Amino acid sequence: MADIGQFWEDARTAAKLNPLQEYFGPRMWGSITPESYAFGDSPAMADELAALVVEGRKTATASALADYESAGEPLPQRGDLFIIVDGAGEPRALIRTTDVRVVPFSQVDADHAAAEAEGDGSLERWRSGHRDFFERTIGFTEDMPVVLERFELLYPSRWKPLLG
């Protein structure tokens, strides 16, 4: 398993999270190692979804609000950093949350489904896949509150520097 600490050192430098440290000192969000987690409920799903993030195609995720409540965890906030790991726990990406909202499952829109980039990206595929996921993990109802999170990929950057 790759070292999360080493990944964080590489990622925060590459993402320029603390570019003026020598003048202003370290910034909290550029110093503290972010929480790491895998998307999905199996190693295969974690691998697939981490790859979509690294490719820059997956820029959103959804979770059951009940998962946060039962764990006593706060919802993600705009600006939060997270390290995404694959099914083996290997760090693959550093992301930053850009938007969080809570809506009933039945009100998730096609734009969010497309941003999750799973399957064909359609709302119908999103509803089917997430209904199955929630039935397996927590239970499902059409009006269950769902946390919709948007994020940006900070590292590895999908943009390559131009060669001069």
N, C-alpha and C. Protein backbone atom coordinates (compact mmCIF):
# COMPACT_ATOMS: atom_id res chain seq x y z
N MET A 1 0.85 -1.18 0.00
CA MET A 1 0.00 0.00 0.00
C MET A 1 0.89 1.24 0.00
N ALA A 2 0.59 2.19 -0.86
CA ALA A 2 1.35 3.43 -0.92
C ALA A 2 1.12 4.23 0.36
N ASP A 3 2.07 5.04 0.69
CA ASP A 3 2.01 5.84 1.89
C ASP A 3 1.14 7.08 1.64
N ILE A 4 0.06 7.22 2.42
CA ILE A 4 -0.83 8.38 2.30
C ILE A 4 -0.04 9.66 2.58
N GLY A 5 0.86 9.61 3.56
CA GLY A 5 1.66 10.79 3.89
C GLY A 5 2.51 11.25 2.72
N GLN A 6 3.15 10.31 2.02
CA GLN A 6 3.97 10.68 0.87
C GLN A 6 3.10 11.20 -0.27
N PHE A 7 1.95 10.55 -0.48
CA PHE A 7 1.03 11.02 -1.50
C PHE A 7 0.61 12.46 -1.20
N TRP A 8 0.28 12.74 0.07
CA TRP A 8 -0.12 14.08 0.48
C TRP A 8 0.99 15.10 0.22
N GLU A 9 2.21 14.74 0.55
CA GLU A 9 3.34 15.66 0.28
C GLU A 9 3.43 15.98 -1.20
N ASP A 10 3.37 14.95 -2.04
CA ASP A 10 3.44 15.15 -3.49
C ASP A 10 2.24 15.97 -4.00
N ALA A 11 1.04 15.61 -3.52
CA ALA A 11 -0.18 16.25 -4.00
C ALA A 11 -0.25 17.73 -3.61
N ARG A 12 0.06 18.04 -2.35
CA ARG A 12 -0.06 19.44 -1.94
C ARG A 12 0.97 20.32 -2.62
N THR A 13 2.14 19.77 -2.93
CA THR A 13 3.14 20.53 -3.68
C THR A 13 2.68 20.74 -5.12
N ALA A 14 2.25 19.67 -5.77
CA ALA A 14 1.80 19.75 -7.17
C ALA A 14 0.58 20.64 -7.32
N ALA A 15 -0.32 20.61 -6.34
CA ALA A 15 -1.55 21.40 -6.41
C ALA A 15 -1.33 22.84 -5.91
N LYS A 16 -0.09 23.13 -5.48
CA LYS A 16 0.27 24.47 -5.00
C LYS A 16 -0.67 24.96 -3.90
N LEU A 17 -0.91 24.10 -2.92
CA LEU A 17 -1.82 24.45 -1.84
C LEU A 17 -1.20 25.40 -0.83
N ASN A 18 0.10 25.52 -0.83
CA ASN A 18 0.76 26.40 0.12
C ASN A 18 1.93 27.10 -0.56
N PRO A 19 1.67 27.85 -1.66
CA PRO A 19 2.76 28.37 -2.48
C PRO A 19 3.63 29.44 -1.81
N LEU A 20 3.11 30.14 -0.83
CA LEU A 20 3.88 31.22 -0.19
C LEU A 20 4.21 30.90 1.26
N GLN A 21 4.42 29.63 1.54
CA GLN A 21 4.68 29.19 2.91
C GLN A 21 5.88 29.91 3.50
N GLU A 22 6.93 30.14 2.70
CA GLU A 22 8.12 30.78 3.25
C GLU A 22 7.86 32.22 3.69
N TYR A 23 6.82 32.86 3.18
CA TYR A 23 6.50 34.23 3.56
C TYR A 23 5.43 34.31 4.64
N PHE A 24 4.40 33.49 4.53
CA PHE A 24 3.26 33.60 5.42
C PHE A 24 3.10 32.43 6.38
N GLY A 25 3.96 31.44 6.27
CA GLY A 25 3.84 30.25 7.10
C GLY A 25 2.83 29.29 6.49
N PRO A 26 2.72 28.11 7.07
CA PRO A 26 1.81 27.11 6.50
C PRO A 26 0.35 27.50 6.71
N ARG A 27 -0.47 27.16 5.75
CA ARG A 27 -1.93 27.31 5.87
C ARG A 27 -2.48 25.99 6.37
N MET A 28 -3.52 26.04 7.17
CA MET A 28 -4.04 24.82 7.76
C MET A 28 -4.41 23.81 6.68
N TRP A 29 -5.15 24.23 5.62
CA TRP A 29 -5.60 23.27 4.62
C TRP A 29 -4.46 22.80 3.73
N GLY A 30 -3.30 23.40 3.84
CA GLY A 30 -2.15 22.92 3.10
C GLY A 30 -1.21 22.11 3.96
N SER A 31 -1.54 21.94 5.24
CA SER A 31 -0.65 21.26 6.17
C SER A 31 -1.21 19.95 6.72
N ILE A 32 -2.45 19.94 7.09
CA ILE A 32 -3.05 18.77 7.72
C ILE A 32 -3.45 17.76 6.65
N THR A 33 -3.01 16.52 6.83
CA THR A 33 -3.34 15.47 5.87
C THR A 33 -4.85 15.28 5.83
N PRO A 34 -5.45 15.39 4.63
CA PRO A 34 -6.90 15.23 4.53
C PRO A 34 -7.34 13.79 4.80
N GLU A 35 -8.61 13.65 5.11
CA GLU A 35 -9.22 12.34 5.27
C GLU A 35 -9.12 11.60 3.93
N SER A 36 -8.95 10.30 4.01
CA SER A 36 -8.93 9.50 2.78
C SER A 36 -10.10 8.51 2.82
N TYR A 37 -10.66 8.26 1.65
CA TYR A 37 -11.74 7.29 1.56
C TYR A 37 -11.86 6.77 0.13
N ALA A 38 -12.57 5.66 0.00
CA ALA A 38 -12.86 5.06 -1.30
C ALA A 38 -14.33 5.27 -1.61
N PHE A 39 -14.64 5.48 -2.88
CA PHE A 39 -16.03 5.53 -3.32
C PHE A 39 -16.55 4.10 -3.44
N GLY A 40 -17.84 3.90 -3.19
CA GLY A 40 -18.47 2.61 -3.42
C GLY A 40 -18.42 1.70 -2.22
N ASP A 41 -18.87 0.45 -2.44
CA ASP A 41 -18.95 -0.51 -1.35
C ASP A 41 -18.22 -1.82 -1.65
N SER A 42 -17.30 -1.77 -2.62
CA SER A 42 -16.49 -2.95 -2.91
C SER A 42 -15.17 -2.49 -3.52
N PRO A 43 -14.14 -3.31 -3.43
CA PRO A 43 -12.86 -2.93 -4.04
C PRO A 43 -12.99 -2.66 -5.54
N ALA A 44 -13.79 -3.47 -6.24
CA ALA A 44 -13.94 -3.27 -7.69
C ALA A 44 -14.60 -1.92 -7.99
N MET A 45 -15.64 -1.57 -7.21
CA MET A 45 -16.31 -0.30 -7.42
C MET A 45 -15.37 0.86 -7.07
N ALA A 46 -14.59 0.71 -6.01
CA ALA A 46 -13.63 1.75 -5.63
C ALA A 46 -12.61 1.97 -6.73
N ASP A 47 -12.12 0.89 -7.34
CA ASP A 47 -11.17 1.01 -8.45
C ASP A 47 -11.78 1.76 -9.62
N GLU A 48 -12.99 1.36 -9.99
CA GLU A 48 -13.67 1.97 -11.14
C GLU A 48 -13.92 3.46 -10.91
N LEU A 49 -14.42 3.81 -9.74
CA LEU A 49 -14.75 5.21 -9.47
C LEU A 49 -13.50 6.07 -9.28
N ALA A 50 -12.46 5.53 -8.66
CA ALA A 50 -11.21 6.28 -8.54
C ALA A 50 -10.62 6.56 -9.92
N ALA A 51 -10.71 5.60 -10.82
CA ALA A 51 -10.21 5.81 -12.19
C ALA A 51 -10.98 6.93 -12.88
N LEU A 52 -12.30 6.99 -12.69
CA LEU A 52 -13.09 8.07 -13.28
C LEU A 52 -12.69 9.44 -12.73
N VAL A 53 -12.35 9.48 -11.44
CA VAL A 53 -11.89 10.74 -10.85
C VAL A 53 -10.56 11.15 -11.47
N VAL A 54 -9.61 10.23 -11.53
CA VAL A 54 -8.28 10.53 -12.08
C VAL A 54 -8.38 10.97 -13.54
N GLU A 55 -9.30 10.36 -14.29
CA GLU A 55 -9.51 10.76 -15.69
C GLU A 55 -10.15 12.13 -15.82
N GLY A 56 -10.66 12.67 -14.70
CA GLY A 56 -11.32 13.97 -14.74
C GLY A 56 -12.77 13.90 -15.16
N ARG A 57 -13.31 12.70 -15.30
CA ARG A 57 -14.70 12.54 -15.75
C ARG A 57 -15.68 12.61 -14.58
N LYS A 58 -15.31 12.07 -13.43
CA LYS A 58 -16.19 12.07 -12.26
C LYS A 58 -15.89 13.30 -11.42
N THR A 59 -16.87 14.19 -11.31
CA THR A 59 -16.70 15.43 -10.55
C THR A 59 -17.80 15.61 -9.51
N ALA A 60 -18.49 14.52 -9.18
CA ALA A 60 -19.57 14.59 -8.20
C ALA A 60 -19.76 13.21 -7.57
N THR A 61 -20.40 13.22 -6.42
CA THR A 61 -20.74 11.97 -5.73
C THR A 61 -22.01 12.20 -4.93
N ALA A 62 -22.62 11.13 -4.49
CA ALA A 62 -23.83 11.21 -3.68
C ALA A 62 -23.74 10.21 -2.54
N SER A 63 -24.26 10.62 -1.40
CA SER A 63 -24.27 9.77 -0.20
C SER A 63 -25.61 9.92 0.49
N ALA A 64 -25.96 8.93 1.27
CA ALA A 64 -27.17 9.04 2.09
C ALA A 64 -26.88 9.93 3.29
N LEU A 65 -27.74 10.90 3.54
CA LEU A 65 -27.59 11.76 4.72
C LEU A 65 -27.55 10.91 5.98
N ALA A 66 -28.31 9.83 6.01
CA ALA A 66 -28.36 8.95 7.19
C ALA A 66 -26.99 8.37 7.53
N ASP A 67 -26.13 8.17 6.52
CA ASP A 67 -24.77 7.67 6.80
C ASP A 67 -23.99 8.66 7.64
N TYR A 68 -24.08 9.94 7.32
CA TYR A 68 -23.39 10.97 8.10
C TYR A 68 -23.97 11.05 9.50
N GLU A 69 -25.30 11.02 9.58
CA GLU A 69 -25.97 11.14 10.88
C GLU A 69 -25.64 9.96 11.80
N SER A 70 -25.67 8.74 11.26
CA SER A 70 -25.41 7.57 12.11
C SER A 70 -23.95 7.51 12.56
N ALA A 71 -23.04 8.06 11.76
CA ALA A 71 -21.63 8.07 12.14
C ALA A 71 -21.27 9.30 12.97
N GLY A 72 -22.21 10.24 13.10
CA GLY A 72 -21.93 11.46 13.84
C GLY A 72 -20.91 12.35 13.15
N GLU A 73 -20.86 12.26 11.82
CA GLU A 73 -19.88 13.03 11.05
C GLU A 73 -20.54 14.25 10.42
N PRO A 74 -19.79 15.35 10.34
CA PRO A 74 -20.34 16.53 9.67
C PRO A 74 -20.38 16.32 8.16
N LEU A 75 -21.27 17.04 7.49
CA LEU A 75 -21.31 16.99 6.03
C LEU A 75 -20.06 17.65 5.47
N PRO A 76 -19.65 17.24 4.28
CA PRO A 76 -18.53 17.95 3.66
C PRO A 76 -18.90 19.42 3.46
N GLN A 77 -17.89 20.25 3.44
CA GLN A 77 -18.08 21.68 3.25
C GLN A 77 -17.28 22.13 2.03
N ARG A 78 -17.72 23.20 1.41
CA ARG A 78 -16.96 23.77 0.31
C ARG A 78 -15.54 24.05 0.78
N GLY A 79 -14.57 23.63 -0.02
CA GLY A 79 -13.16 23.83 0.31
C GLY A 79 -12.50 22.64 0.97
N ASP A 80 -13.29 21.66 1.45
CA ASP A 80 -12.71 20.48 2.08
C ASP A 80 -11.86 19.71 1.07
N LEU A 81 -10.76 19.18 1.56
CA LEU A 81 -9.88 18.34 0.75
C LEU A 81 -10.05 16.89 1.17
N PHE A 82 -9.99 15.98 0.18
CA PHE A 82 -10.07 14.55 0.45
C PHE A 82 -9.12 13.81 -0.47
N ILE A 83 -8.53 12.73 0.05
CA ILE A 83 -7.70 11.84 -0.76
C ILE A 83 -8.57 10.64 -1.11
N ILE A 84 -8.70 10.38 -2.41
CA ILE A 84 -9.49 9.25 -2.88
C ILE A 84 -8.54 8.06 -3.06
N VAL A 85 -8.94 6.92 -2.48
CA VAL A 85 -8.14 5.71 -2.60
C VAL A 85 -8.88 4.69 -3.45
N ASP A 86 -8.12 3.75 -4.00
CA ASP A 86 -8.73 2.68 -4.80
C ASP A 86 -9.12 1.52 -3.89
N GLY A 87 -9.49 0.41 -4.50
CA GLY A 87 -9.96 -0.75 -3.75
C GLY A 87 -8.91 -1.40 -2.87
N ALA A 88 -7.63 -1.15 -3.16
CA ALA A 88 -6.55 -1.69 -2.34
C ALA A 88 -6.07 -0.68 -1.30
N GLY A 89 -6.73 0.47 -1.25
CA GLY A 89 -6.33 1.51 -0.30
C GLY A 89 -5.20 2.39 -0.79
N GLU A 90 -4.86 2.27 -2.07
CA GLU A 90 -3.79 3.09 -2.65
C GLU A 90 -4.32 4.48 -2.97
N PRO A 91 -3.62 5.54 -2.56
CA PRO A 91 -4.08 6.89 -2.87
C PRO A 91 -3.99 7.16 -4.36
N ARG A 92 -5.05 7.71 -4.92
CA ARG A 92 -5.11 7.96 -6.37
C ARG A 92 -5.35 9.41 -6.73
N ALA A 93 -6.08 10.17 -5.88
CA ALA A 93 -6.43 11.53 -6.27
C ALA A 93 -6.64 12.40 -5.04
N LEU A 94 -6.34 13.69 -5.21
CA LEU A 94 -6.68 14.70 -4.22
C LEU A 94 -7.78 15.55 -4.83
N ILE A 95 -8.91 15.66 -4.12
CA ILE A 95 -10.03 16.46 -4.59
C ILE A 95 -10.37 17.56 -3.58
N ARG A 96 -11.03 18.62 -4.09
CA ARG A 96 -11.52 19.69 -3.22
C ARG A 96 -13.02 19.85 -3.49
N THR A 97 -13.80 19.85 -2.42
CA THR A 97 -15.25 20.03 -2.52
C THR A 97 -15.56 21.45 -2.99
N THR A 98 -16.44 21.55 -3.98
CA THR A 98 -16.83 22.86 -4.50
C THR A 98 -18.28 23.21 -4.19
N ASP A 99 -19.12 22.21 -3.89
CA ASP A 99 -20.52 22.48 -3.60
C ASP A 99 -21.13 21.27 -2.89
N VAL A 100 -22.00 21.54 -1.95
CA VAL A 100 -22.72 20.47 -1.23
C VAL A 100 -24.17 20.91 -1.07
N ARG A 101 -25.08 20.00 -1.38
CA ARG A 101 -26.50 20.26 -1.13
C ARG A 101 -27.18 18.94 -0.78
N VAL A 102 -28.29 19.05 -0.07
CA VAL A 102 -29.06 17.88 0.34
C VAL A 102 -30.43 17.99 -0.30
N VAL A 103 -30.82 16.93 -1.02
CA VAL A 103 -32.12 16.89 -1.68
C VAL A 103 -32.71 15.49 -1.50
N PRO A 104 -34.03 15.36 -1.65
CA PRO A 104 -34.61 14.01 -1.66
C PRO A 104 -34.10 13.24 -2.88
N PHE A 105 -33.97 11.94 -2.73
CA PHE A 105 -33.51 11.10 -3.84
C PHE A 105 -34.27 11.40 -5.12
N SER A 106 -35.57 11.56 -5.04
CA SER A 106 -36.42 11.77 -6.21
C SER A 106 -36.15 13.10 -6.91
N GLN A 107 -35.40 14.01 -6.27
CA GLN A 107 -35.14 15.32 -6.87
C GLN A 107 -33.72 15.47 -7.40
N VAL A 108 -32.94 14.40 -7.39
CA VAL A 108 -31.62 14.47 -8.00
C VAL A 108 -31.83 14.67 -9.50
N ASP A 109 -31.08 15.61 -10.08
CA ASP A 109 -31.30 15.97 -11.49
C ASP A 109 -30.27 15.34 -12.43
N ALA A 110 -30.57 15.45 -13.72
CA ALA A 110 -29.72 14.85 -14.76
C ALA A 110 -28.32 15.45 -14.77
N ASP A 111 -28.19 16.72 -14.42
CA ASP A 111 -26.88 17.37 -14.39
C ASP A 111 -25.97 16.70 -13.36
N HIS A 112 -26.53 16.42 -12.19
CA HIS A 112 -25.73 15.76 -11.16
C HIS A 112 -25.37 14.33 -11.60
N ALA A 113 -26.34 13.64 -12.14
CA ALA A 113 -26.08 12.26 -12.61
C ALA A 113 -24.96 12.24 -13.63
N ALA A 114 -24.96 13.18 -14.56
CA ALA A 114 -23.91 13.24 -15.58
C ALA A 114 -22.55 13.53 -14.94
N ALA A 115 -22.51 14.39 -13.92
CA ALA A 115 -21.26 14.72 -13.26
C ALA A 115 -20.68 13.54 -12.49
N GLU A 116 -21.52 12.60 -12.09
CA GLU A 116 -21.01 11.40 -11.42
C GLU A 116 -20.34 10.45 -12.42
N ALA A 117 -20.71 10.55 -13.70
CA ALA A 117 -20.02 9.85 -14.80
C ALA A 117 -20.05 8.32 -14.70
N GLU A 118 -21.03 7.78 -14.03
CA GLU A 118 -21.12 6.34 -13.90
C GLU A 118 -22.01 5.77 -14.99
N GLY A 119 -21.63 4.62 -15.53
CA GLY A 119 -22.41 4.01 -16.60
C GLY A 119 -22.47 4.93 -17.79
N ASP A 120 -23.69 5.14 -18.30
CA ASP A 120 -23.84 6.02 -19.47
C ASP A 120 -24.06 7.48 -19.07
N GLY A 121 -24.02 7.77 -17.78
CA GLY A 121 -24.17 9.14 -17.30
C GLY A 121 -25.60 9.65 -17.26
N SER A 122 -26.55 8.79 -17.56
CA SER A 122 -27.95 9.22 -17.59
C SER A 122 -28.55 9.24 -16.18
N LEU A 123 -29.61 10.01 -16.03
CA LEU A 123 -30.33 10.05 -14.77
C LEU A 123 -30.95 8.69 -14.46
N GLU A 124 -31.45 8.00 -15.48
CA GLU A 124 -32.05 6.69 -15.27
C GLU A 124 -31.02 5.71 -14.72
N ARG A 125 -29.82 5.72 -15.29
CA ARG A 125 -28.74 4.83 -14.81
C ARG A 125 -28.34 5.21 -13.39
N TRP A 126 -28.26 6.53 -13.12
CA TRP A 126 -27.90 7.00 -11.78
C TRP A 126 -28.93 6.49 -10.77
N ARG A 127 -30.20 6.69 -11.08
CA ARG A 127 -31.25 6.27 -10.14
C ARG A 127 -31.21 4.76 -9.89
N SER A 128 -31.05 4.00 -10.93
CA SER A 128 -31.00 2.54 -10.79
C SER A 128 -29.79 2.10 -9.95
N GLY A 129 -28.62 2.61 -10.29
CA GLY A 129 -27.41 2.23 -9.58
C GLY A 129 -27.41 2.66 -8.12
N HIS A 130 -27.88 3.88 -7.86
CA HIS A 130 -27.89 4.37 -6.48
C HIS A 130 -29.02 3.72 -5.67
N ARG A 131 -30.13 3.43 -6.30
CA ARG A 131 -31.19 2.70 -5.60
C ARG A 131 -30.65 1.35 -5.13
N ASP A 132 -29.97 0.62 -6.03
CA ASP A 132 -29.38 -0.66 -5.66
C ASP A 132 -28.35 -0.50 -4.55
N PHE A 133 -27.49 0.52 -4.66
CA PHE A 133 -26.46 0.77 -3.65
C PHE A 133 -27.10 1.04 -2.29
N PHE A 134 -28.07 1.95 -2.24
CA PHE A 134 -28.70 2.29 -0.96
C PHE A 134 -29.47 1.10 -0.39
N GLU A 135 -30.11 0.31 -1.23
CA GLU A 135 -30.81 -0.89 -0.74
C GLU A 135 -29.82 -1.86 -0.09
N ARG A 136 -28.61 -1.99 -0.67
CA ARG A 136 -27.60 -2.89 -0.11
C ARG A 136 -27.01 -2.36 1.19
N THR A 137 -26.88 -1.04 1.31
CA THR A 137 -26.09 -0.47 2.40
C THR A 137 -26.88 0.13 3.54
N ILE A 138 -27.99 0.79 3.27
CA ILE A 138 -28.67 1.53 4.35
C ILE A 138 -30.18 1.41 4.30
N GLY A 139 -30.72 1.01 3.19
CA GLY A 139 -32.17 1.02 2.99
C GLY A 139 -32.52 2.17 2.05
N PHE A 140 -33.63 2.03 1.37
CA PHE A 140 -33.97 3.00 0.34
C PHE A 140 -35.42 3.44 0.41
N THR A 141 -35.63 4.74 0.20
CA THR A 141 -36.96 5.30 -0.06
C THR A 141 -36.78 6.41 -1.08
N GLU A 142 -37.81 6.69 -1.85
CA GLU A 142 -37.74 7.74 -2.88
C GLU A 142 -37.51 9.12 -2.27
N ASP A 143 -37.93 9.33 -1.02
CA ASP A 143 -37.79 10.65 -0.42
C ASP A 143 -36.61 10.75 0.56
N MET A 144 -35.76 9.72 0.58
CA MET A 144 -34.61 9.77 1.50
C MET A 144 -33.69 10.93 1.14
N PRO A 145 -33.18 11.66 2.13
CA PRO A 145 -32.27 12.77 1.85
C PRO A 145 -30.92 12.25 1.34
N VAL A 146 -30.45 12.85 0.26
CA VAL A 146 -29.19 12.47 -0.36
C VAL A 146 -28.27 13.69 -0.36
N VAL A 147 -27.02 13.49 0.04
CA VAL A 147 -26.02 14.55 0.04
C VAL A 147 -25.34 14.52 -1.33
N LEU A 148 -25.50 15.61 -2.08
CA LEU A 148 -24.88 15.73 -3.39
C LEU A 148 -23.66 16.62 -3.26
N GLU A 149 -22.52 16.06 -3.62
CA GLU A 149 -21.25 16.78 -3.48
C GLU A 149 -20.61 16.94 -4.85
N ARG A 150 -20.17 18.14 -5.15
CA ARG A 150 -19.38 18.42 -6.35
C ARG A 150 -17.94 18.65 -5.89
N PHE A 151 -17.00 18.27 -6.75
CA PHE A 151 -15.60 18.46 -6.39
C PHE A 151 -14.77 18.70 -7.64
N GLU A 152 -13.56 19.20 -7.39
CA GLU A 152 -12.61 19.38 -8.47
C GLU A 152 -11.38 18.54 -8.19
N LEU A 153 -10.79 18.02 -9.25
CA LEU A 153 -9.58 17.22 -9.15
C LEU A 153 -8.38 18.16 -9.04
N LEU A 154 -7.62 18.02 -7.96
CA LEU A 154 -6.41 18.82 -7.78
C LEU A 154 -5.15 18.07 -8.15
N TYR A 155 -5.15 16.76 -7.88
CA TYR A 155 -3.96 15.96 -8.14
C TYR A 155 -4.37 14.50 -8.26
N PRO A 156 -3.90 13.73 -9.20
CA PRO A 156 -3.03 14.23 -10.25
C PRO A 156 -3.83 15.08 -11.24
N SER A 157 -3.23 16.14 -11.66
CA SER A 157 -3.90 17.02 -12.60
C SER A 157 -4.07 16.30 -13.93
N ARG A 158 -5.23 16.45 -14.53
CA ARG A 158 -5.43 15.83 -15.85
C ARG A 158 -4.83 16.71 -16.95
N TRP A 159 -4.42 17.91 -16.60
CA TRP A 159 -3.81 18.84 -17.57
C TRP A 159 -2.31 18.68 -17.54
N LYS A 160 -1.72 18.45 -18.67
CA LYS A 160 -0.27 18.32 -18.78
C LYS A 160 0.31 19.67 -19.15
N PRO A 161 1.47 20.03 -18.59
CA PRO A 161 2.09 21.29 -18.98
C PRO A 161 2.49 21.26 -20.46
N LEU A 162 2.42 22.40 -21.08
CA LEU A 162 2.84 22.50 -22.49
C LEU A 162 4.36 22.40 -22.56
N LEU A 163 4.84 21.67 -23.54
CA LEU A 163 6.28 21.58 -23.73
C LEU A 163 6.72 22.76 -24.57
N GLY A 164 7.77 23.41 -24.16
CA GLY A 164 8.20 24.62 -24.86
C GLY A 164 9.41 24.45 -25.71
